[in-house]
C-alpha atoms as a PDB file:
ATOM      1  CA  MET A   1     -77.565 119.860 -85.921  1.00  0.00           C
ATOM      2  CA  ILE A   2     -75.669 120.563 -82.345  1.00  0.00           C
ATOM      3  CA  ASN A   3     -72.218 118.947 -81.969  1.00  0.00           C
ATOM      4  CA  LYS A   4     -71.673 116.630 -79.121  1.00  0.00           C
ATOM      5  CA  ASP A   5     -68.558 118.621 -78.000  1.00  0.00           C
ATOM      6  CA  ILE A   6     -70.981 121.771 -77.553  1.00  0.00           C
ATOM      7  CA  ILE A   7     -73.473 119.504 -75.871  1.00  0.00           C
ATOM      8  CA  ARG A   8     -70.598 118.209 -73.238  1.00  0.00           C
ATOM      9  CA  LEU A   9     -69.236 121.573 -72.703  1.00  0.00           C
ATOM     10  CA  ALA A  10     -72.736 122.873 -71.854  1.00  0.00           C
ATOM     11  CA  SER A  11     -73.534 119.923 -69.492  1.00  0.00           C
ATOM     12  CA  ASN A  12     -70.615 120.745 -66.958  1.00  0.00           C
ATOM     13  CA  THR A  13     -72.780 122.628 -64.393  1.00  0.00           C
ATOM     14  CA  SER A  14     -70.125 123.082 -61.860  1.00  0.00           C
ATOM     15  CA  ASN A  15     -70.377 126.773 -61.728  1.00  0.00           C
ATOM     16  CA  VAL A  16     -74.165 127.123 -62.480  1.00  0.00           C
ATOM     17  CA  GLY A  17     -75.787 128.702 -59.513  1.00  0.00           C
ATOM     18  CA  LEU A  18     -75.583 132.118 -57.911  1.00  0.00           C
ATOM     19  CA  LYS A  19     -74.577 132.413 -54.410  1.00  0.00           C
ATOM     20  CA  LYS A  20     -75.206 135.873 -53.706  1.00  0.00           C
ATOM     21  CA  LYS A  21     -71.467 136.296 -53.055  1.00  0.00           C
ATOM     22  CA  TYR A  22     -69.580 138.535 -55.278  1.00  0.00           C
ATOM     23  CA  SER A  23     -67.605 141.554 -55.999  1.00  0.00           C
ATOM     24  CA  HIS A  24     -69.187 142.170 -59.498  1.00  0.00           C
ATOM     25  CA  LYS A  25     -72.670 141.162 -60.945  1.00  0.00           C
ATOM     26  CA  ILE A  26     -74.199 141.740 -64.061  1.00  0.00           C
ATOM     27  CA  SER A  27     -77.295 140.620 -66.016  1.00  0.00           C
ATOM     28  CA  LEU A  28     -77.287 140.750 -69.999  1.00  0.00           C
ATOM     29  CA  LYS A  29     -79.770 140.006 -72.737  1.00  0.00           C
ATOM     30  CA  ASN A  30     -78.942 139.247 -76.393  1.00  0.00           C
ATOM     31  CA  SER A  31     -81.479 141.208 -78.187  1.00  0.00           C
ATOM     32  CA  THR A  32     -81.118 139.139 -81.075  1.00  0.00           C
ATOM     33  CA  CYS A  33     -82.319 135.810 -79.694  1.00  0.00           C
ATOM     34  CA  GLY A  34     -83.429 136.475 -76.006  1.00  0.00           C
ATOM     35  CA  ASP A  35     -80.791 134.598 -74.338  1.00  0.00           C
ATOM     36  CA  LYS A  36     -80.063 136.068 -70.947  1.00  0.00           C
ATOM     37  CA  ILE A  37     -77.350 135.489 -68.433  1.00  0.00           C
ATOM     38  CA  THR A  38     -76.563 136.808 -65.128  1.00  0.00           C
ATOM     39  CA  LEU A  39     -73.331 136.135 -63.429  1.00  0.00           C
ATOM     40  CA  GLU A  40     -71.256 136.755 -60.254  1.00  0.00           C
ATOM     41  CA  LEU A  41     -67.618 137.236 -60.262  1.00  0.00           C
ATOM     42  CA  ILE A  42     -65.456 137.545 -57.147  1.00  0.00           C
ATOM     43  CA  VAL A  43     -62.145 139.532 -57.920  1.00  0.00           C
ATOM     44  CA  ASP A  44     -59.287 139.112 -55.449  1.00  0.00           C
ATOM     45  CA  LYS A  45     -56.119 140.917 -55.718  1.00  0.00           C
ATOM     46  CA  LYS A  46     -56.654 141.643 -59.236  1.00  0.00           C
ATOM     47  CA  LYS A  47     -57.511 138.121 -60.219  1.00  0.00           C
ATOM     48  CA  ILE A  48     -60.877 136.540 -60.959  1.00  0.00           C
ATOM     49  CA  SER A  49     -61.244 133.716 -57.989  1.00  0.00           C
ATOM     50  CA  SER A  50     -64.734 132.914 -59.076  1.00  0.00           C
ATOM     51  CA  MET A  51     -67.273 133.098 -61.563  1.00  0.00           C
ATOM     52  CA  LYS A  52     -70.970 131.736 -61.049  1.00  0.00           C
ATOM     53  CA  TYR A  53     -73.698 131.899 -63.358  1.00  0.00           C
ATOM     54  CA  GLU A  54     -77.368 131.147 -64.430  1.00  0.00           C
ATOM     55  CA  THR A  55     -79.022 131.348 -68.079  1.00  0.00           C
ATOM     56  CA  ILE A  56     -81.898 131.409 -69.673  1.00  0.00           C
ATOM     57  CA  SER A  57     -80.419 130.655 -72.960  1.00  0.00           C
ATOM     58  CA  CYS A  58     -79.578 127.992 -75.908  1.00  0.00           C
ATOM     59  CA  VAL A  59     -76.980 125.519 -75.504  1.00  0.00           C
ATOM     60  CA  TYR A  60     -74.423 127.481 -77.237  1.00  0.00           C
ATOM     61  CA  CYS A  61     -74.480 130.298 -74.650  1.00  0.00           C
ATOM     62  CA  GLU A  62     -74.801 127.795 -72.024  1.00  0.00           C
ATOM     63  CA  ALA A  63     -71.346 125.885 -73.298  1.00  0.00           C
ATOM     64  CA  SER A  64     -69.846 129.198 -73.755  1.00  0.00           C
ATOM     65  CA  ALA A  65     -70.538 129.975 -69.874  1.00  0.00           C
ATOM     66  CA  SER A  66     -69.250 126.881 -68.459  1.00  0.00           C
ATOM     67  CA  LEU A  67     -66.077 127.229 -70.269  1.00  0.00           C
ATOM     68  CA  LEU A  68     -65.490 130.540 -69.850  1.00  0.00           C
ATOM     69  CA  SER A  69     -66.187 130.280 -65.746  1.00  0.00           C
ATOM     70  CA  ARG A  70     -63.390 127.380 -65.883  1.00  0.00           C
ATOM     71  CA  LYS A  71     -60.863 129.268 -67.981  1.00  0.00           C
ATOM     72  CA  ILE A  72     -60.947 132.597 -66.079  1.00  0.00           C
ATOM     73  CA  LYS A  73     -60.500 131.437 -62.737  1.00  0.00           C
ATOM     74  CA  ASN A  74     -57.183 132.682 -61.112  1.00  0.00           C
ATOM     75  CA  VAL A  75     -56.247 134.769 -64.260  1.00  0.00           C
ATOM     76  CA  LYS A  76     -55.105 138.094 -63.762  1.00  0.00           C
ATOM     77  CA  LEU A  77     -57.490 141.133 -64.904  1.00  0.00           C
ATOM     78  CA  LYS A  78     -55.328 142.275 -67.608  1.00  0.00           C
ATOM     79  CA  ASP A  79     -54.673 139.079 -69.125  1.00  0.00           C
ATOM     80  CA  ILE A  80     -58.561 138.431 -69.124  1.00  0.00           C
ATOM     81  CA  LYS A  81     -58.951 141.357 -70.938  1.00  0.00           C
ATOM     82  CA  ASN A  82     -56.468 140.829 -73.497  1.00  0.00           C
ATOM     83  CA  ASP A  83     -57.574 137.103 -74.034  1.00  0.00           C
ATOM     84  CA  LEU A  84     -61.086 138.051 -74.305  1.00  0.00           C
ATOM     85  CA  THR A  85     -60.561 140.970 -76.835  1.00  0.00           C
ATOM     86  CA  ILE A  86     -58.715 138.722 -78.836  1.00  0.00           C
ATOM     87  CA  LEU A  87     -61.345 136.018 -78.749  1.00  0.00           C
ATOM     88  CA  LYS A  88     -63.885 138.593 -79.818  1.00  0.00           C
ATOM     89  CA  GLN A  89     -62.033 139.668 -82.890  1.00  0.00           C
ATOM     90  CA  ILE A  90     -62.771 136.323 -84.289  1.00  0.00           C
ATOM     91  CA  SER A  91     -66.226 137.290 -85.529  1.00  0.00           C
ATOM     92  CA  LEU A  92     -64.370 140.031 -87.719  1.00  0.00           C
ATOM     93  CA  LYS A  93     -61.476 138.267 -89.150  1.00  0.00           C
ATOM     94  CA  LYS A  94     -60.709 134.800 -89.777  1.00  0.00           C
ATOM     95  CA  ASN A  95     -56.870 134.319 -89.172  1.00  0.00           C
ATOM     96  CA  ILE A  96     -57.264 135.063 -85.258  1.00  0.00           C
ATOM     97  CA  LYS A  97     -54.865 132.823 -82.910  1.00  0.00           C
ATOM     98  CA  ILE A  98     -57.016 132.010 -79.825  1.00  0.00           C
ATOM     99  CA  PRO A  99     -55.064 132.567 -76.648  1.00  0.00           C
ATOM    100  CA  LYS A 100     -53.781 129.259 -75.363  1.00  0.00           C
ATOM    101  CA  ARG A 101     -55.973 129.392 -71.957  1.00  0.00           C
ATOM    102  CA  LEU A 102     -58.886 129.741 -74.181  1.00  0.00           C
ATOM    103  CA  SER A 103     -58.135 127.360 -76.920  1.00  0.00           C
ATOM    104  CA  ASP A 104     -61.319 125.130 -76.088  1.00  0.00           C
ATOM    105  CA  PHE A 105     -63.125 127.691 -77.587  1.00  0.00           C
ATOM    106  CA  LYS A 106     -62.309 126.299 -81.026  1.00  0.00           C
ATOM    107  CA  LYS A 107     -65.113 123.894 -80.361  1.00  0.00           C
ATOM    108  CA  LEU A 108     -67.605 126.673 -80.502  1.00  0.00           C
ATOM    109  CA  LEU A 109     -66.145 129.261 -82.642  1.00  0.00           C
ATOM    110  CA  ASN A 110     -66.342 127.818 -86.042  1.00  0.00           C
ATOM    111  CA  SER A 111     -67.731 128.400 -89.211  1.00  0.00           C
ATOM    112  CA  ASP A 112     -70.533 125.945 -88.325  1.00  0.00           C
ATOM    113  CA  ASN A 113     -71.513 128.128 -85.427  1.00  0.00           C
ATOM    114  CA  PHE A 114     -70.904 131.385 -87.293  1.00  0.00           C
ATOM    115  CA  ASN A 115     -74.709 132.379 -87.059  1.00  0.00           C
ATOM    116  CA  ARG A 116     -74.665 131.862 -83.089  1.00  0.00           C
ATOM    117  CA  PHE A 117     -71.633 133.931 -82.533  1.00  0.00           C
ATOM    118  CA  LYS A 118     -73.870 136.446 -80.481  1.00  0.00           C
ATOM    119  CA  CYS A 119     -75.164 133.802 -78.159  1.00  0.00           C
ATOM    120  CA  ILE A 120     -71.555 132.435 -77.618  1.00  0.00           C
ATOM    121  CA  PHE A 121     -70.359 135.879 -76.856  1.00  0.00           C
ATOM    122  CA  LEU A 122     -72.885 136.888 -74.543  1.00  0.00           C
ATOM    123  CA  PRO A 123     -70.935 135.498 -71.435  1.00  0.00           C
ATOM    124  CA  ILE A 124     -67.817 136.965 -72.728  1.00  0.00           C
ATOM    125  CA  ASP A 125     -69.336 140.379 -73.103  1.00  0.00           C
ATOM    126  CA  ALA A 126     -70.816 140.106 -69.640  1.00  0.00           C
ATOM    127  CA  VAL A 127     -67.668 139.625 -67.762  1.00  0.00           C
ATOM    128  CA  LEU A 128     -65.882 142.467 -70.140  1.00  0.00           C
ATOM    129  CA  LYS A 129     -68.881 144.563 -69.002  1.00  0.00           C
ATOM    130  CA  ALA A 130     -68.833 143.552 -65.276  1.00  0.00           C
ATOM    131  CA  LEU A 131     -65.480 144.231 -64.745  1.00  0.00           C
ATOM    132  CA  LYS A 132     -65.714 147.441 -66.780  1.00  0.00           C
ATOM    133  CA  LEU A 133     -62.430 146.328 -68.958  1.00  0.00           C
END
């Protein structure tokens, strides 16, 4: 059963919708389940000023994209790289401390959702790949 917090995260659509205005754009597909995400990033002075996205995906991927799009705004690229790299280590190690700015990901990255981590990490992988970090 899907947790209400995950549904709440996914229902925030403030950054859904591509604007065809971007400095970086990427589309990725999860080969395991078929989730797909396209995102547009605007990077200005080594900071992310905007992330817009569209998905054809499950609620876990949508929740992750929604949360990520709000949490990386106005963050320096080097900080994003460090934070997202740490976050991705959660699937490999259990005692990883989630970076403070991404602490809301605790709602997604728990043992109940372990089999959906690839869905949750798809937006994160897309940002890292788009920015070549």
